Amino acid sequence: MVSSKGGRAGFVFRSRFSAYRALRRQGMPKSRAAMIANAGRSFPQRSLMARKASRTRQLRGRKRH
């Protein structure tokens, strides 16, 4: 899964493409969506992102639905 630019510009691993599409539907730019989607390839990476998101929600005073 590569961008229209060709090469590895905007590359997203096939296993993470559903995460990439979800981020794009939320209006995120392609480059940031690809970076975030690719960051969650393994369980420890996803776990780290989940903890970071939890801290962000707490700081903003939001609760998980």
N, C-alpha and C. Protein backbone atom coordinates (compact mmCIF):
# COMPACT_ATOMS: atom_id res chain seq x y z
N MET A 1 0.85 -1.18 0.00
CA MET A 1 0.00 0.00 0.00
C MET A 1 0.90 1.24 0.00
N VAL A 2 0.99 1.84 -1.16
CA VAL A 2 1.83 3.03 -1.27
C VAL A 2 1.02 4.19 -1.81
N SER A 3 1.57 5.36 -1.64
CA SER A 3 0.87 6.54 -2.12
C SER A 3 1.01 6.68 -3.63
N SER A 4 0.32 7.65 -4.18
CA SER A 4 0.40 7.88 -5.62
C SER A 4 1.75 8.47 -6.02
N LYS A 5 2.54 8.93 -5.03
CA LYS A 5 3.86 9.46 -5.33
C LYS A 5 4.82 8.36 -5.77
N GLY A 6 4.53 7.13 -5.38
CA GLY A 6 5.41 6.03 -5.73
C GLY A 6 6.48 5.83 -4.67
N GLY A 7 7.24 4.75 -4.81
CA GLY A 7 8.28 4.46 -3.83
C GLY A 7 7.68 4.16 -2.47
N ARG A 8 8.40 4.51 -1.43
CA ARG A 8 7.92 4.26 -0.07
C ARG A 8 7.32 5.50 0.56
N ALA A 9 7.10 6.55 -0.22
CA ALA A 9 6.48 7.77 0.30
C ALA A 9 5.04 7.46 0.68
N GLY A 10 4.69 7.60 1.93
CA GLY A 10 3.34 7.32 2.37
C GLY A 10 3.05 5.85 2.53
N PHE A 11 4.09 5.04 2.68
CA PHE A 11 3.93 3.58 2.78
C PHE A 11 3.18 3.19 4.05
N VAL A 12 2.23 2.26 3.93
CA VAL A 12 1.49 1.71 5.07
C VAL A 12 1.52 0.19 4.95
N PHE A 13 1.92 -0.47 6.02
CA PHE A 13 1.95 -1.93 6.02
C PHE A 13 0.53 -2.47 5.82
N ARG A 14 0.42 -3.56 5.07
CA ARG A 14 -0.89 -4.14 4.76
C ARG A 14 -1.66 -4.50 6.04
N SER A 15 -0.95 -5.00 7.04
CA SER A 15 -1.62 -5.41 8.28
C SER A 15 -2.17 -4.22 9.05
N ARG A 16 -1.71 -3.01 8.74
CA ARG A 16 -2.15 -1.81 9.47
C ARG A 16 -3.01 -0.89 8.60
N PHE A 17 -3.41 -1.37 7.42
CA PHE A 17 -4.14 -0.50 6.49
C PHE A 17 -5.51 -0.12 7.03
N SER A 18 -6.17 -1.01 7.78
CA SER A 18 -7.49 -0.66 8.33
C SER A 18 -7.35 0.47 9.35
N ALA A 19 -6.27 0.47 10.12
CA ALA A 19 -6.04 1.57 11.07
C ALA A 19 -5.78 2.86 10.31
N TYR A 20 -5.03 2.78 9.22
CA TYR A 20 -4.75 3.95 8.39
C TYR A 20 -6.06 4.52 7.83
N ARG A 21 -6.93 3.66 7.28
CA ARG A 21 -8.19 4.13 6.72
C ARG A 21 -9.07 4.80 7.79
N ALA A 22 -9.08 4.23 8.99
CA ALA A 22 -9.89 4.82 10.07
C ALA A 22 -9.37 6.22 10.42
N LEU A 23 -8.07 6.38 10.48
CA LEU A 23 -7.49 7.70 10.77
C LEU A 23 -7.80 8.69 9.65
N ARG A 24 -7.74 8.22 8.41
CA ARG A 24 -8.06 9.10 7.28
C ARG A 24 -9.52 9.53 7.31
N ARG A 25 -10.42 8.61 7.68
CA ARG A 25 -11.85 8.96 7.78
C ARG A 25 -12.08 10.03 8.83
N GLN A 26 -11.22 10.06 9.85
CA GLN A 26 -11.33 11.08 10.89
C GLN A 26 -10.76 12.42 10.45
N GLY A 27 -10.21 12.47 9.23
CA GLY A 27 -9.72 13.74 8.69
C GLY A 27 -8.24 13.98 8.89
N MET A 28 -7.49 12.97 9.29
CA MET A 28 -6.07 13.13 9.53
C MET A 28 -5.32 13.17 8.20
N PRO A 29 -4.27 14.00 8.10
CA PRO A 29 -3.46 14.02 6.87
C PRO A 29 -2.83 12.66 6.59
N LYS A 30 -2.56 12.39 5.33
CA LYS A 30 -2.02 11.09 4.93
C LYS A 30 -0.72 10.75 5.64
N SER A 31 0.18 11.71 5.73
CA SER A 31 1.49 11.42 6.32
C SER A 31 1.38 11.06 7.80
N ARG A 32 0.55 11.80 8.55
CA ARG A 32 0.39 11.50 9.98
C ARG A 32 -0.35 10.19 10.18
N ALA A 33 -1.36 9.94 9.36
CA ALA A 33 -2.12 8.69 9.47
C ALA A 33 -1.20 7.50 9.21
N ALA A 34 -0.34 7.60 8.19
CA ALA A 34 0.60 6.52 7.88
C ALA A 34 1.58 6.31 9.02
N MET A 35 2.09 7.40 9.58
CA MET A 35 3.06 7.30 10.67
C MET A 35 2.44 6.61 11.89
N ILE A 36 1.23 6.99 12.25
CA ILE A 36 0.56 6.42 13.41
C ILE A 36 0.18 4.96 13.15
N ALA A 37 -0.36 4.68 11.98
CA ALA A 37 -0.76 3.31 11.66
C ALA A 37 0.43 2.37 11.69
N ASN A 38 1.54 2.79 11.11
CA ASN A 38 2.74 1.95 11.07
C ASN A 38 3.36 1.77 12.46
N ALA A 39 3.13 2.72 13.35
CA ALA A 39 3.72 2.64 14.69
C ALA A 39 3.11 1.51 15.51
N GLY A 40 1.95 1.00 15.11
CA GLY A 40 1.28 -0.02 15.89
C GLY A 40 1.43 -1.42 15.34
N ARG A 41 2.56 -1.74 14.77
CA ARG A 41 2.73 -3.06 14.15
C ARG A 41 2.80 -4.19 15.16
N SER A 42 3.33 -3.94 16.35
CA SER A 42 3.45 -5.01 17.34
C SER A 42 2.64 -4.66 18.59
N PHE A 43 2.38 -5.67 19.42
CA PHE A 43 1.59 -5.45 20.63
C PHE A 43 2.22 -4.40 21.55
N PRO A 44 3.53 -4.47 21.84
CA PRO A 44 4.12 -3.44 22.72
C PRO A 44 3.96 -2.02 22.17
N GLN A 45 4.06 -1.88 20.84
CA GLN A 45 3.89 -0.55 20.24
C GLN A 45 2.46 -0.06 20.41
N ARG A 46 1.47 -0.96 20.19
CA ARG A 46 0.06 -0.57 20.36
C ARG A 46 -0.23 -0.25 21.81
N SER A 47 0.34 -1.03 22.71
CA SER A 47 0.14 -0.81 24.14
C SER A 47 0.69 0.56 24.55
N LEU A 48 1.87 0.90 24.04
CA LEU A 48 2.47 2.19 24.34
C LEU A 48 1.59 3.33 23.84
N MET A 49 1.04 3.19 22.62
CA MET A 49 0.16 4.22 22.08
C MET A 49 -1.12 4.34 22.91
N ALA A 50 -1.65 3.22 23.38
CA ALA A 50 -2.88 3.23 24.18
C ALA A 50 -2.64 3.95 25.51
N ARG A 51 -1.49 3.70 26.13
CA ARG A 51 -1.18 4.39 27.39
C ARG A 51 -1.01 5.89 27.17
N LYS A 52 -0.37 6.26 26.08
CA LYS A 52 -0.19 7.67 25.75
C LYS A 52 -1.54 8.35 25.51
N ALA A 53 -2.43 7.66 24.78
CA ALA A 53 -3.77 8.21 24.51
C ALA A 53 -4.56 8.37 25.80
N SER A 54 -4.41 7.41 26.70
CA SER A 54 -5.10 7.48 27.98
C SER A 54 -4.65 8.70 28.78
N ARG A 55 -3.35 8.93 28.80
CA ARG A 55 -2.83 10.11 29.51
C ARG A 55 -3.34 11.40 28.88
N THR A 56 -3.39 11.43 27.55
CA THR A 56 -3.88 12.61 26.85
C THR A 56 -5.34 12.88 27.22
N ARG A 57 -6.17 11.82 27.23
CA ARG A 57 -7.58 12.00 27.59
C ARG A 57 -7.72 12.50 29.02
N GLN A 58 -6.91 11.98 29.93
CA GLN A 58 -6.98 12.41 31.33
C GLN A 58 -6.60 13.88 31.47
N LEU A 59 -5.56 14.30 30.74
CA LEU A 59 -5.12 15.69 30.81
C LEU A 59 -6.19 16.64 30.25
N ARG A 60 -6.92 16.17 29.27
CA ARG A 60 -7.96 17.01 28.66
C ARG A 60 -9.29 16.91 29.39
N GLY A 61 -9.34 16.05 30.40
CA GLY A 61 -10.56 15.92 31.17
C GLY A 61 -11.65 15.13 30.49
N ARG A 62 -11.28 14.28 29.53
CA ARG A 62 -12.27 13.48 28.81
C ARG A 62 -12.26 12.07 29.33
N LYS A 63 -13.43 11.47 29.32
CA LYS A 63 -13.56 10.08 29.74
C LYS A 63 -13.79 9.20 28.55
N ARG A 64 -13.39 7.97 28.66
CA ARG A 64 -13.60 7.01 27.58
C ARG A 64 -15.07 6.63 27.53
N HIS A 65 -15.62 6.55 26.34
CA HIS A 65 -17.04 6.23 26.20
C HIS A 65 -17.27 4.77 26.42
